[in-house]
């Protein structure tokens, strides 16, 4: 059984397994609204994890491009104009913050 609170339109705004003061009713675990609530919560957690992973990968790709260009494997001019502009903006912002030295923690482990 779950304790729930609804908004003025009757939509769930809080669901808890334990009773709480603002709870207005209870619903069984197999109720469609409870199932939808937890399915949505799982999706939100997954999206947050994916967004965080995207931010981390941007840093890795940025560093990778820097290394490849510094070794002469690729040139910035090999990239499309939009990518060049974004890289230049990021390079300027990174230089203003002191370069690459603090972007990836030396204690991080993994392949890269």
PDB file of N, CA and C in Angstrom:
ATOM      1  N   UNK A   1       0.847  -1.174   0.000  1.00  0.00           N
ATOM      2  CA  UNK A   1       0.000   0.000   0.000  1.00  0.00           C
ATOM      3  C   UNK A   1       0.896   1.242   0.000  1.00  0.00           C
ATOM      4  N   UNK A   2       0.529   2.237  -0.792  1.00  0.00           N
ATOM      5  CA  UNK A   2       1.277   3.482  -0.879  1.00  0.00           C
ATOM      6  C   UNK A   2       0.403   4.652  -0.453  1.00  0.00           C
ATOM      7  N   UNK A   3       1.016   5.580   0.228  1.00  0.00           N
ATOM      8  CA  UNK A   3       0.345   6.797   0.668  1.00  0.00           C
ATOM      9  C   UNK A   3       0.607   7.861  -0.386  1.00  0.00           C
ATOM     10  N   UNK A   4      -0.443   8.539  -0.809  1.00  0.00           N
ATOM     11  CA  UNK A   4      -0.297   9.489  -1.904  1.00  0.00           C
ATOM     12  C   UNK A   4      -0.889  10.850  -1.552  1.00  0.00           C
ATOM     13  N   UNK A   5      -0.398  11.844  -2.250  1.00  0.00           N
ATOM     14  CA  UNK A   5      -0.917  13.200  -2.163  1.00  0.00           C
ATOM     15  C   UNK A   5      -1.187  13.651  -3.589  1.00  0.00           C
ATOM     16  N   UNK A   6      -2.288  14.336  -3.807  1.00  0.00           N
ATOM     17  CA  UNK A   6      -2.667  14.806  -5.138  1.00  0.00           C
ATOM     18  C   UNK A   6      -2.690  16.328  -5.189  1.00  0.00           C
ATOM     19  N   UNK A   7      -2.552  16.866  -6.400  1.00  0.00           N
ATOM     20  CA  UNK A   7      -2.674  18.311  -6.581  1.00  0.00           C
ATOM     21  C   UNK A   7      -4.147  18.668  -6.820  1.00  0.00           C
ATOM     22  N   UNK A   8      -4.413  19.925  -7.108  1.00  0.00           N
ATOM     23  CA  UNK A   8      -5.794  20.398  -7.296  1.00  0.00           C
ATOM     24  C   UNK A   8      -6.477  19.729  -8.492  1.00  0.00           C
ATOM     25  N   UNK A   9      -5.685  19.274  -9.466  1.00  0.00           N
ATOM     26  CA  UNK A   9      -6.249  18.593 -10.638  1.00  0.00           C
ATOM     27  C   UNK A   9      -6.406  17.087 -10.424  1.00  0.00           C
ATOM     28  N   UNK A  10      -6.022  16.615  -9.270  1.00  0.00           N
ATOM     29  CA  UNK A  10      -6.145  15.189  -8.972  1.00  0.00           C
ATOM     30  C   UNK A  10      -4.958  14.349  -9.383  1.00  0.00           C
ATOM     31  N   UNK A  11      -3.870  14.998  -9.828  1.00  0.00           N
ATOM     32  CA  UNK A  11      -2.672  14.256 -10.228  1.00  0.00           C
ATOM     33  C   UNK A  11      -1.780  13.991  -9.019  1.00  0.00           C
ATOM     34  N   UNK A  12      -1.108  12.853  -9.039  1.00  0.00           N
ATOM     35  CA  UNK A  12      -0.197  12.517  -7.954  1.00  0.00           C
ATOM     36  C   UNK A  12       0.968  13.498  -7.916  1.00  0.00           C
ATOM     37  N   UNK A  13       1.277  13.991  -6.724  1.00  0.00           N
ATOM     38  CA  UNK A  13       2.450  14.849  -6.569  1.00  0.00           C
ATOM     39  C   UNK A  13       3.449  14.272  -5.577  1.00  0.00           C
ATOM     40  N   UNK A  14       3.015  13.279  -4.819  1.00  0.00           N
ATOM     41  CA  UNK A  14       3.925  12.617  -3.879  1.00  0.00           C
ATOM     42  C   UNK A  14       3.409  11.224  -3.601  1.00  0.00           C
ATOM     43  N   UNK A  15       4.329  10.264  -3.592  1.00  0.00           N
ATOM     44  CA  UNK A  15       4.006   8.864  -3.295  1.00  0.00           C
ATOM     45  C   UNK A  15       5.068   8.352  -2.338  1.00  0.00           C
ATOM     46  N   UNK A  16       4.635   7.776  -1.241  1.00  0.00           N
ATOM     47  CA  UNK A  16       5.554   7.237  -0.234  1.00  0.00           C
ATOM     48  C   UNK A  16       5.051   5.878   0.244  1.00  0.00           C
ATOM     49  N   UNK A  17       5.980   5.024   0.640  1.00  0.00           N
ATOM     50  CA  UNK A  17       5.619   3.722   1.194  1.00  0.00           C
ATOM     51  C   UNK A  17       5.172   3.846   2.650  1.00  0.00           C
ATOM     52  N   UNK A  18       5.630   4.887   3.337  1.00  0.00           N
ATOM     53  CA  UNK A  18       5.264   5.118   4.735  1.00  0.00           C
ATOM     54  C   UNK A  18       4.285   6.286   4.820  1.00  0.00           C
ATOM     55  N   UNK A  19       3.460   6.261   5.830  1.00  0.00           N
ATOM     56  CA  UNK A  19       2.480   7.329   6.022  1.00  0.00           C
ATOM     57  C   UNK A  19       3.185   8.660   6.283  1.00  0.00           C
ATOM     58  N   UNK A  20       2.562   9.735   5.827  1.00  0.00           N
ATOM     59  CA  UNK A  20       3.061  11.080   6.092  1.00  0.00           C
ATOM     60  C   UNK A  20       1.861  12.009   6.232  1.00  0.00           C
ATOM     61  N   UNK A  21       2.056  13.137   6.875  1.00  0.00           N
ATOM     62  CA  UNK A  21       0.952  14.021   7.263  1.00  0.00           C
ATOM     63  C   UNK A  21       0.119  14.514   6.081  1.00  0.00           C
ATOM     64  N   UNK A  22       0.730  14.796   4.948  1.00  0.00           N
ATOM     65  CA  UNK A  22       0.010  15.370   3.817  1.00  0.00           C
ATOM     66  C   UNK A  22      -0.701  14.332   2.950  1.00  0.00           C
ATOM     67  N   UNK A  23      -0.507  13.063   3.240  1.00  0.00           N
ATOM     68  CA  UNK A  23      -1.144  12.006   2.448  1.00  0.00           C
ATOM     69  C   UNK A  23      -2.660  12.120   2.542  1.00  0.00           C
ATOM     70  N   UNK A  24      -3.307  12.012   1.389  1.00  0.00           N
ATOM     71  CA  UNK A  24      -4.764  12.145   1.363  1.00  0.00           C
ATOM     72  C   UNK A  24      -5.471  10.825   1.110  1.00  0.00           C
ATOM     73  N   UNK A  25      -4.725   9.820   0.635  1.00  0.00           N
ATOM     74  CA  UNK A  25      -5.321   8.509   0.382  1.00  0.00           C
ATOM     75  C   UNK A  25      -4.235   7.456   0.250  1.00  0.00           C
ATOM     76  N   UNK A  26      -4.647   6.226   0.133  1.00  0.00           N
ATOM     77  CA  UNK A  26      -3.715   5.135  -0.117  1.00  0.00           C
ATOM     78  C   UNK A  26      -4.132   4.420  -1.397  1.00  0.00           C
ATOM     79  N   UNK A  27      -3.133   3.859  -2.055  1.00  0.00           N
ATOM     80  CA  UNK A  27      -3.378   3.096  -3.276  1.00  0.00           C
ATOM     81  C   UNK A  27      -2.563   1.812  -3.210  1.00  0.00           C
ATOM     82  N   UNK A  28      -3.088   0.723  -3.763  1.00  0.00           N
ATOM     83  CA  UNK A  28      -2.326  -0.528  -3.775  1.00  0.00           C
ATOM     84  C   UNK A  28      -1.165  -0.441  -4.760  1.00  0.00           C
ATOM     85  N   UNK A  29      -0.161  -1.265  -4.535  1.00  0.00           N
ATOM     86  CA  UNK A  29       1.044  -1.251  -5.367  1.00  0.00           C
ATOM     87  C   UNK A  29       0.747  -1.549  -6.830  1.00  0.00           C
ATOM     88  N   UNK A  30      -0.291  -2.305  -7.114  1.00  0.00           N
ATOM     89  CA  UNK A  30      -0.589  -2.645  -8.503  1.00  0.00           C
ATOM     90  C   UNK A  30      -1.518  -1.635  -9.186  1.00  0.00           C
ATOM     91  N   UNK A  31      -1.851  -0.552  -8.510  1.00  0.00           N
ATOM     92  CA  UNK A  31      -2.705   0.477  -9.098  1.00  0.00           C
ATOM     93  C   UNK A  31      -1.963   1.147 -10.259  1.00  0.00           C
ATOM     94  N   UNK A  32      -2.669   1.430 -11.346  1.00  0.00           N
ATOM     95  CA  UNK A  32      -2.019   1.972 -12.553  1.00  0.00           C
ATOM     96  C   UNK A  32      -1.318   3.301 -12.294  1.00  0.00           C
ATOM     97  N   UNK A  33      -1.836   4.131 -11.392  1.00  0.00           N
ATOM     98  CA  UNK A  33      -1.178   5.400 -11.107  1.00  0.00           C
ATOM     99  C   UNK A  33       0.148   5.200 -10.367  1.00  0.00           C
ATOM    100  N   UNK A  34       0.185   4.212  -9.492  1.00  0.00           N
ATOM    101  CA  UNK A  34       1.428   3.904  -8.773  1.00  0.00           C
ATOM    102  C   UNK A  34       2.456   3.351  -9.755  1.00  0.00           C
ATOM    103  N   UNK A  35       2.024   2.463 -10.628  1.00  0.00           N
ATOM    104  CA  UNK A  35       2.931   1.897 -11.637  1.00  0.00           C
ATOM    105  C   UNK A  35       3.488   2.994 -12.538  1.00  0.00           C
ATOM    106  N   UNK A  36       2.633   3.916 -12.969  1.00  0.00           N
ATOM    107  CA  UNK A  36       3.079   5.015 -13.833  1.00  0.00           C
ATOM    108  C   UNK A  36       4.026   5.950 -13.086  1.00  0.00           C
ATOM    109  N   UNK A  37       3.741   6.213 -11.808  1.00  0.00           N
ATOM    110  CA  UNK A  37       4.591   7.092 -10.996  1.00  0.00           C
ATOM    111  C   UNK A  37       6.021   6.552 -10.935  1.00  0.00           C
ATOM    112  N   UNK A  38       6.145   5.267 -10.624  1.00  0.00           N
ATOM    113  CA  UNK A  38       7.481   4.688 -10.481  1.00  0.00           C
ATOM    114  C   UNK A  38       8.161   4.474 -11.828  1.00  0.00           C
ATOM    115  N   UNK A  39       7.408   4.219 -12.888  1.00  0.00           N
ATOM    116  CA  UNK A  39       8.003   4.114 -14.223  1.00  0.00           C
ATOM    117  C   UNK A  39       8.586   5.459 -14.631  1.00  0.00           C
ATOM    118  N   UNK A  40       7.875   6.529 -14.337  1.00  0.00           N
ATOM    119  CA  UNK A  40       8.350   7.873 -14.653  1.00  0.00           C
ATOM    120  C   UNK A  40       9.589   8.210 -13.823  1.00  0.00           C
ATOM    121  N   UNK A  41       9.602   7.817 -12.566  1.00  0.00           N
ATOM    122  CA  UNK A  41      10.744   8.083 -11.695  1.00  0.00           C
ATOM    123  C   UNK A  41      11.999   7.371 -12.205  1.00  0.00           C
ATOM    124  N   UNK A  42      11.857   6.138 -12.635  1.00  0.00           N
ATOM    125  CA  UNK A  42      12.985   5.378 -13.181  1.00  0.00           C
ATOM    126  C   UNK A  42      13.509   6.068 -14.434  1.00  0.00           C
ATOM    127  N   UNK A  43      12.597   6.553 -15.285  1.00  0.00           N
ATOM    128  CA  UNK A  43      13.013   7.233 -16.498  1.00  0.00           C
ATOM    129  C   UNK A  43      13.756   8.530 -16.168  1.00  0.00           C
ATOM    130  N   UNK A  44      13.285   9.273 -15.185  1.00  0.00           N
ATOM    131  CA  UNK A  44      13.951  10.515 -14.798  1.00  0.00           C
ATOM    132  C   UNK A  44      15.363  10.246 -14.278  1.00  0.00           C
ATOM    133  N   UNK A  45      15.526   9.209 -13.472  1.00  0.00           N
ATOM    134  CA  UNK A  45      16.850   8.860 -12.961  1.00  0.00           C
ATOM    135  C   UNK A  45      17.770   8.484 -14.112  1.00  0.00           C
ATOM    136  N   UNK A  46      17.261   7.693 -15.052  1.00  0.00           N
ATOM    137  CA  UNK A  46      18.065   7.287 -16.206  1.00  0.00           C
ATOM    138  C   UNK A  46      18.465   8.490 -17.051  1.00  0.00           C
ATOM    139  N   UNK A  47      17.551   9.426 -17.252  1.00  0.00           N
ATOM    140  CA  UNK A  47      17.872  10.624 -18.029  1.00  0.00           C
ATOM    141  C   UNK A  47      18.929  11.474 -17.334  1.00  0.00           C
ATOM    142  N   UNK A  48      18.852  11.594 -16.011  1.00  0.00           N
ATOM    143  CA  UNK A  48      19.861  12.347 -15.263  1.00  0.00           C
ATOM    144  C   UNK A  48      21.236  11.695 -15.399  1.00  0.00           C
ATOM    145  N   UNK A  49      21.262  10.361 -15.318  1.00  0.00           N
ATOM    146  CA  UNK A  49      22.531   9.647 -15.470  1.00  0.00           C
ATOM    147  C   UNK A  49      23.101   9.843 -16.871  1.00  0.00           C
ATOM    148  N   UNK A  50      22.237   9.812 -17.873  1.00  0.00           N
ATOM    149  CA  UNK A  50      22.683   9.998 -19.243  1.00  0.00           C
ATOM    150  C   UNK A  50      23.209  11.410 -19.460  1.00  0.00           C
ATOM    151  N   UNK A  51      22.537  12.414 -18.906  1.00  0.00           N
ATOM    152  CA  UNK A  51      23.010  13.795 -19.032  1.00  0.00           C
ATOM    153  C   UNK A  51      24.375  13.967 -18.376  1.00  0.00           C
ATOM    154  N   UNK A  52      24.557  13.372 -17.203  1.00  0.00           N
ATOM    155  CA  UNK A  52      25.855  13.461 -16.527  1.00  0.00           C
ATOM    156  C   UNK A  52      26.933  12.774 -17.356  1.00  0.00           C
ATOM    157  N   UNK A  53      26.596  11.630 -17.924  1.00  0.00           N
ATOM    158  CA  UNK A  53      27.539  10.911 -18.779  1.00  0.00           C
ATOM    159  C   UNK A  53      27.894  11.742 -20.008  1.00  0.00           C
ATOM    160  N   UNK A  54      26.908  12.431 -20.573  1.00  0.00           N
ATOM    161  CA  UNK A  54      27.172  13.301 -21.725  1.00  0.00           C
ATOM    162  C   UNK A  54      28.178  14.386 -21.361  1.00  0.00           C
ATOM    163  N   UNK A  55      28.003  15.009 -20.200  1.00  0.00           N
ATOM    164  CA  UNK A  55      28.933  16.055 -19.779  1.00  0.00           C
ATOM    165  C   UNK A  55      30.347  15.507 -19.616  1.00  0.00           C
ATOM    166  N   UNK A  56      30.452  14.314 -19.048  1.00  0.00           N
ATOM    167  CA  UNK A  56      31.762  13.707 -18.869  1.00  0.00           C
ATOM    168  C   UNK A  56      32.392  13.349 -20.215  1.00  0.00           C
ATOM    169  N   UNK A  57      31.588  12.855 -21.157  1.00  0.00           N
ATOM    170  CA  UNK A  57      32.111  12.495 -22.472  1.00  0.00           C
ATOM    171  C   UNK A  57      32.530  13.733 -23.255  1.00  0.00           C
ATOM    172  N   UNK A  58      31.832  14.837 -23.081  1.00  0.00           N
ATOM    173  CA  UNK A  58      32.233  16.074 -23.758  1.00  0.00           C
ATOM    174  C   UNK A  58      33.649  16.442 -23.347  1.00  0.00           C
ATOM    175  N   UNK A  59      33.935  16.316 -22.065  1.00  0.00           N
ATOM    176  CA  UNK A  59      35.276  16.626 -21.581  1.00  0.00           C
ATOM    177  C   UNK A  59      36.309  15.679 -22.185  1.00  0.00           C
ATOM    178  N   UNK A  60      35.977  14.418 -22.267  1.00  0.00           N
ATOM    179  CA  UNK A  60      36.902  13.441 -22.847  1.00  0.00           C
ATOM    180  C   UNK A  60      37.145  13.744 -24.320  1.00  0.00           C
ATOM    181  N   UNK A  61      36.070  13.997 -25.059  1.00  0.00           N
ATOM    182  CA  UNK A  61      36.215  14.294 -26.488  1.00  0.00           C
ATOM    183  C   UNK A  61      36.980  15.589 -26.717  1.00  0.00           C
ATOM    184  N   UNK A  62      36.738  16.571 -25.902  1.00  0.00           N
ATOM    185  CA  UNK A  62      37.462  17.832 -26.003  1.00  0.00           C
ATOM    186  C   UNK A  62      38.961  17.595 -25.811  1.00  0.00           C
ATOM    187  N   UNK A  63      39.303  16.834 -24.782  1.00  0.00           N
ATOM    188  CA  UNK A  63      40.710  16.510 -24.537  1.00  0.00           C
ATOM    189  C   UNK A  63      41.297  15.690 -25.685  1.00  0.00           C
ATOM    190  N   UNK A  64      40.516  14.750 -26.205  1.00  0.00           N
ATOM    191  CA  UNK A  64      40.984  13.920 -27.315  1.00  0.00           C
ATOM    192  C   UNK A  64      41.289  14.781 -28.547  1.00  0.00           C
ATOM    193  N   UNK A  65      40.413  15.702 -28.862  1.00  0.00           N
ATOM    194  CA  UNK A  65      40.644  16.589 -30.004  1.00  0.00           C
ATOM    195  C   UNK A  65      41.888  17.425 -29.775  1.00  0.00           C
ATOM    196  N   UNK A  66      42.065  17.905 -28.554  1.00  0.00           N
ATOM    197  CA  UNK A  66      43.263  18.693 -28.240  1.00  0.00           C
ATOM    198  C   UNK A  66      44.535  17.874 -28.461  1.00  0.00           C
ATOM    199  N   UNK A  67      44.530  16.637 -28.010  1.00  0.00           N
ATOM    200  CA  UNK A  67      45.707  15.775 -28.160  1.00  0.00           C
ATOM    201  C   UNK A  67      45.974  15.478 -29.637  1.00  0.00           C
ATOM    202  N   UNK A  68      44.916  15.132 -30.373  1.00  0.00           N
ATOM    203  CA  UNK A  68      45.091  14.811 -31.791  1.00  0.00           C
ATOM    204  C   UNK A  68      45.592  16.007 -32.588  1.00  0.00           C
ATOM    205  N   UNK A  69      45.104  17.185 -32.275  1.00  0.00           N
ATOM    206  CA  UNK A  69      45.580  18.369 -32.997  1.00  0.00           C
ATOM    207  C   UNK A  69      47.006  18.724 -32.590  1.00  0.00           C
ATOM    208  N   UNK A  70      47.326  18.586 -31.307  1.00  0.00           N
ATOM    209  CA  UNK A  70      48.684  18.928 -30.871  1.00  0.00           C
ATOM    210  C   UNK A  70      49.722  17.971 -31.445  1.00  0.00           C
ATOM    211  N   UNK A  71      49.321  16.721 -31.736  1.00  0.00           N
ATOM    212  CA  UNK A  71      50.242  15.745 -32.338  1.00  0.00           C
ATOM    213  C   UNK A  71      50.223  15.790 -33.859  1.00  0.00           C
ATOM    214  N   UNK A  72      49.385  16.641 -34.425  1.00  0.00           N
ATOM    215  CA  UNK A  72      49.326  16.783 -35.872  1.00  0.00           C
ATOM    216  C   UNK A  72      48.550  15.699 -36.587  1.00  0.00           C
ATOM    217  N   UNK A  73      47.798  14.894 -35.852  1.00  0.00           N
ATOM    218  CA  UNK A  73      47.000  13.826 -36.471  1.00  0.00           C
ATOM    219  C   UNK A  73      45.831  14.432 -37.252  1.00  0.00           C
ATOM    220  N   UNK A  74      45.214  15.445 -36.694  1.00  0.00           N
ATOM    221  CA  UNK A  74      44.162  16.189 -37.391  1.00  0.00           C
ATOM    222  C   UNK A  74      44.438  17.682 -37.202  1.00  0.00           C
ATOM    223  N   UNK A  75      43.820  18.470 -38.065  1.00  0.00           N
ATOM    224  CA  UNK A  75      43.878  19.917 -37.926  1.00  0.00           C
ATOM    225  C   UNK A  75      42.474  20.410 -37.609  1.00  0.00           C
ATOM    226  N   UNK A  76      42.383  21.469 -36.870  1.00  0.00           N
ATOM    227  CA  UNK A  76      41.073  22.038 -36.559  1.00  0.00           C
ATOM    228  C   UNK A  76      40.346  22.370 -37.852  1.00  0.00           C
ATOM    229  N   UNK A  77      41.068  22.784 -38.858  1.00  0.00           N
ATOM    230  CA  UNK A  77      40.455  23.136 -40.141  1.00  0.00           C
ATOM    231  C   UNK A  77      39.889  21.924 -40.884  1.00  0.00           C
ATOM    232  N   UNK A  78      40.223  20.710 -40.438  1.00  0.00           N
ATOM    233  CA  UNK A  78      39.631  19.499 -41.024  1.00  0.00           C
ATOM    234  C   UNK A  78      38.172  19.331 -40.598  1.00  0.00           C
ATOM    235  N   UNK A  79      37.791  20.010 -39.546  1.00  0.00           N
ATOM    236  CA  UNK A  79      36.448  19.888 -38.992  1.00  0.00           C
ATOM    237  C   UNK A  79      35.500  20.891 -39.643  1.00  0.00           C
ATOM    238  N   UNK A  80      34.195  20.626 -39.596  1.00  0.00           N
ATOM    239  CA  UNK A  80      33.229  21.590 -40.137  1.00  0.00           C
ATOM    240  C   UNK A  80      33.330  22.938 -39.414  1.00  0.00           C
ATOM    241  N   UNK A  81      32.912  23.990 -40.088  1.00  0.00           N
ATOM    242  CA  UNK A  81      33.017  25.348 -39.540  1.00  0.00           C
ATOM    243  C   UNK A  81      32.324  25.484 -38.188  1.00  0.00           C
ATOM    244  N   UNK A  82      31.155  24.877 -38.036  1.00  0.00           N
ATOM    245  CA  UNK A  82      30.430  24.974 -36.758  1.00  0.00           C
ATOM    246  C   UNK A  82      31.235  24.319 -35.636  1.00  0.00           C
ATOM    247  N   UNK A  83      31.847  23.183 -35.922  1.00  0.00           N
ATOM    248  CA  UNK A  83      32.667  22.502 -34.914  1.00  0.00           C
ATOM    249  C   UNK A  83      33.895  23.333 -34.577  1.00  0.00           C
ATOM    250  N   UNK A  84      34.508  23.955 -35.588  1.00  0.00           N
ATOM    251  CA  UNK A  84      35.667  24.817 -35.344  1.00  0.00           C
ATOM    252  C   UNK A  84      35.307  25.958 -34.408  1.00  0.00           C
ATOM    253  N   UNK A  85      34.157  26.582 -34.657  1.00  0.00           N
ATOM    254  CA  UNK A  85      33.730  27.714 -33.820  1.00  0.00           C
ATOM    255  C   UNK A  85      33.495  27.268 -32.378  1.00  0.00           C
ATOM    256  N   UNK A  86      32.868  26.124 -32.209  1.00  0.00           N
ATOM    257  CA  UNK A  86      32.612  25.613 -30.850  1.00  0.00           C
ATOM    258  C   UNK A  86      33.914  25.282 -30.136  1.00  0.00           C
ATOM    259  N   UNK A  87      34.836  24.678 -30.846  1.00  0.00           N
ATOM    260  CA  UNK A  87      36.126  24.350 -30.244  1.00  0.00           C
ATOM    261  C   UNK A  87      36.893  25.606 -29.854  1.00  0.00           C
ATOM    262  N   UNK A  88      36.850  26.619 -30.705  1.00  0.00           N
ATOM    263  CA  UNK A  88      37.536  27.875 -30.388  1.00  0.00           C
ATOM    264  C   UNK A  88      36.925  28.511 -29.135  1.00  0.00           C
ATOM    265  N   UNK A  89      35.597  28.494 -29.045  1.00  0.00           N
ATOM    266  CA  UNK A  89      34.929  29.042 -27.855  1.00  0.00           C
ATOM    267  C   UNK A  89      35.344  28.280 -26.601  1.00  0.00           C
ATOM    268  N   UNK A  90      35.368  26.952 -26.710  1.00  0.00           N
ATOM    269  CA  UNK A  90      35.759  26.137 -25.553  1.00  0.00           C
ATOM    270  C   UNK A  90      37.224  26.376 -25.190  1.00  0.00           C
ATOM    271  N   UNK A  91      38.080  26.467 -26.197  1.00  0.00           N
ATOM    272  CA  UNK A  91      39.500  26.714 -25.931  1.00  0.00           C
ATOM    273  C   UNK A  91      39.698  28.036 -25.199  1.00  0.00           C
ATOM    274  N   UNK A  92      38.996  29.069 -25.626  1.00  0.00           N
ATOM    275  CA  UNK A  92      39.108  30.368 -24.970  1.00  0.00           C
ATOM    276  C   UNK A  92      38.620  30.289 -23.525  1.00  0.00           C
ATOM    277  N   UNK A  93      37.507  29.601 -23.307  1.00  0.00           N
ATOM    278  CA  UNK A  93      36.974  29.461 -21.950  1.00  0.00           C
ATOM    279  C   UNK A  93      37.923  28.656 -21.068  1.00  0.00           C
ATOM    280  N   UNK A  94      38.511  27.600 -21.632  1.00  0.00           N
ATOM    281  CA  UNK A  94      39.441  26.776 -20.864  1.00  0.00           C
ATOM    282  C   UNK A  94      40.704  27.558 -20.523  1.00  0.00           C
ATOM    283  N   UNK A  95      41.195  28.318 -21.477  1.00  0.00           N
ATOM    284  CA  UNK A  95      42.396  29.117 -21.213  1.00  0.00           C
ATOM    285  C   UNK A  95      42.123  30.139 -20.113  1.00  0.00           C
ATOM    286  N   UNK A  96      40.939  30.716 -20.123  1.00  0.00           N
ATOM    287  CA  UNK A  96      40.577  31.681 -19.084  1.00  0.00           C
ATOM    288  C   UNK A  96      40.541  31.014 -17.709  1.00  0.00           C
ATOM    289  N   UNK A  97      40.272  29.713 -17.690  1.00  0.00           N
ATOM    290  CA  UNK A  97      40.207  28.967 -16.419  1.00  0.00           C
ATOM    291  C   UNK A  97      41.516  28.266 -16.081  1.00  0.00           C
ATOM    292  N   UNK A  98      42.534  28.414 -16.906  1.00  0.00           N
ATOM    293  CA  UNK A  98      43.829  27.825 -16.585  1.00  0.00           C
ATOM    294  C   UNK A  98      44.194  26.601 -17.386  1.00  0.00           C
ATOM    295  N   UNK A  99      43.538  26.345 -18.492  1.00  0.00           N
ATOM    296  CA  UNK A  99      43.921  25.244 -19.362  1.00  0.00           C
ATOM    297  C   UNK A  99      43.298  23.915 -18.988  1.00  0.00           C
ATOM    298  N   UNK A 100      43.985  22.853 -19.344  1.00  0.00           N
ATOM    299  CA  UNK A 100      43.469  21.493 -19.203  1.00  0.00           C
ATOM    300  C   UNK A 100      43.750  20.847 -17.857  1.00  0.00           C
ATOM    301  N   UNK A 101      44.621  21.429 -17.076  1.00  0.00           N
ATOM    302  CA  UNK A 101      45.183  20.718 -15.938  1.00  0.00           C
ATOM    303  C   UNK A 101      44.172  20.241 -14.902  1.00  0.00           C
ATOM    304  N   UNK A 102      43.028  20.881 -14.756  1.00  0.00           N
ATOM    305  CA  UNK A 102      42.099  20.484 -13.696  1.00  0.00           C
ATOM    306  C   UNK A 102      40.815  19.857 -14.211  1.00  0.00           C
ATOM    307  N   UNK A 103      40.738  19.536 -15.499  1.00  0.00           N
ATOM    308  CA  UNK A 103      39.496  19.016 -16.041  1.00  0.00           C
ATOM    309  C   UNK A 103      39.246  17.549 -15.693  1.00  0.00           C
ATOM    310  N   UNK A 104      40.286  16.760 -15.707  1.00  0.00           N
ATOM    311  CA  UNK A 104      40.114  15.345 -15.369  1.00  0.00           C
ATOM    312  C   UNK A 104      40.960  15.051 -14.144  1.00  0.00           C
ATOM    313  N   UNK A 105      40.327  14.468 -13.156  1.00  0.00           N
ATOM    314  CA  UNK A 105      40.965  14.158 -11.895  1.00  0.00           C
ATOM    315  C   UNK A 105      42.026  13.078 -12.092  1.00  0.00           C
ATOM    316  N   UNK A 106      43.214  13.312 -11.567  1.00  0.00           N
ATOM    317  CA  UNK A 106      44.294  12.329 -11.697  1.00  0.00           C
ATOM    318  C   UNK A 106      43.972  10.998 -11.026  1.00  0.00           C
ATOM    319  N   UNK A 107      43.014  10.995 -10.121  1.00  0.00           N
ATOM    320  CA  UNK A 107      42.656   9.775  -9.421  1.00  0.00           C
ATOM    321  C   UNK A 107      41.613   8.957 -10.167  1.00  0.00           C
ATOM    322  N   UNK A 108      41.070   9.489 -11.278  1.00  0.00           N
ATOM    323  CA  UNK A 108      40.093   8.738 -12.062  1.00  0.00           C
ATOM    324  C   UNK A 108      40.793   7.532 -12.677  1.00  0.00           C
ATOM    325  N   UNK A 109      40.066   6.435 -12.763  1.00  0.00           N
ATOM    326  CA  UNK A 109      40.630   5.234 -13.357  1.00  0.00           C
ATOM    327  C   UNK A 109      39.805   4.868 -14.572  1.00  0.00           C
ATOM    328  N   UNK A 110      40.345   4.055 -15.418  1.00  0.00           N
ATOM    329  CA  UNK A 110      39.619   3.616 -16.606  1.00  0.00           C
ATOM    330  C   UNK A 110      40.551   3.535 -17.789  1.00  0.00           C
ATOM    331  N   UNK A 111      39.992   3.340 -18.951  1.00  0.00           N
ATOM    332  CA  UNK A 111      40.772   3.163 -20.158  1.00  0.00           C
ATOM    333  C   UNK A 111      41.380   4.448 -20.667  1.00  0.00           C
ATOM    334  N   UNK A 112      40.674   5.560 -20.469  1.00  0.00           N
ATOM    335  CA  UNK A 112      41.158   6.827 -21.016  1.00  0.00           C
ATOM    336  C   UNK A 112      41.724   7.679 -19.924  1.00  0.00           C
TER     337      UNK A 112
END
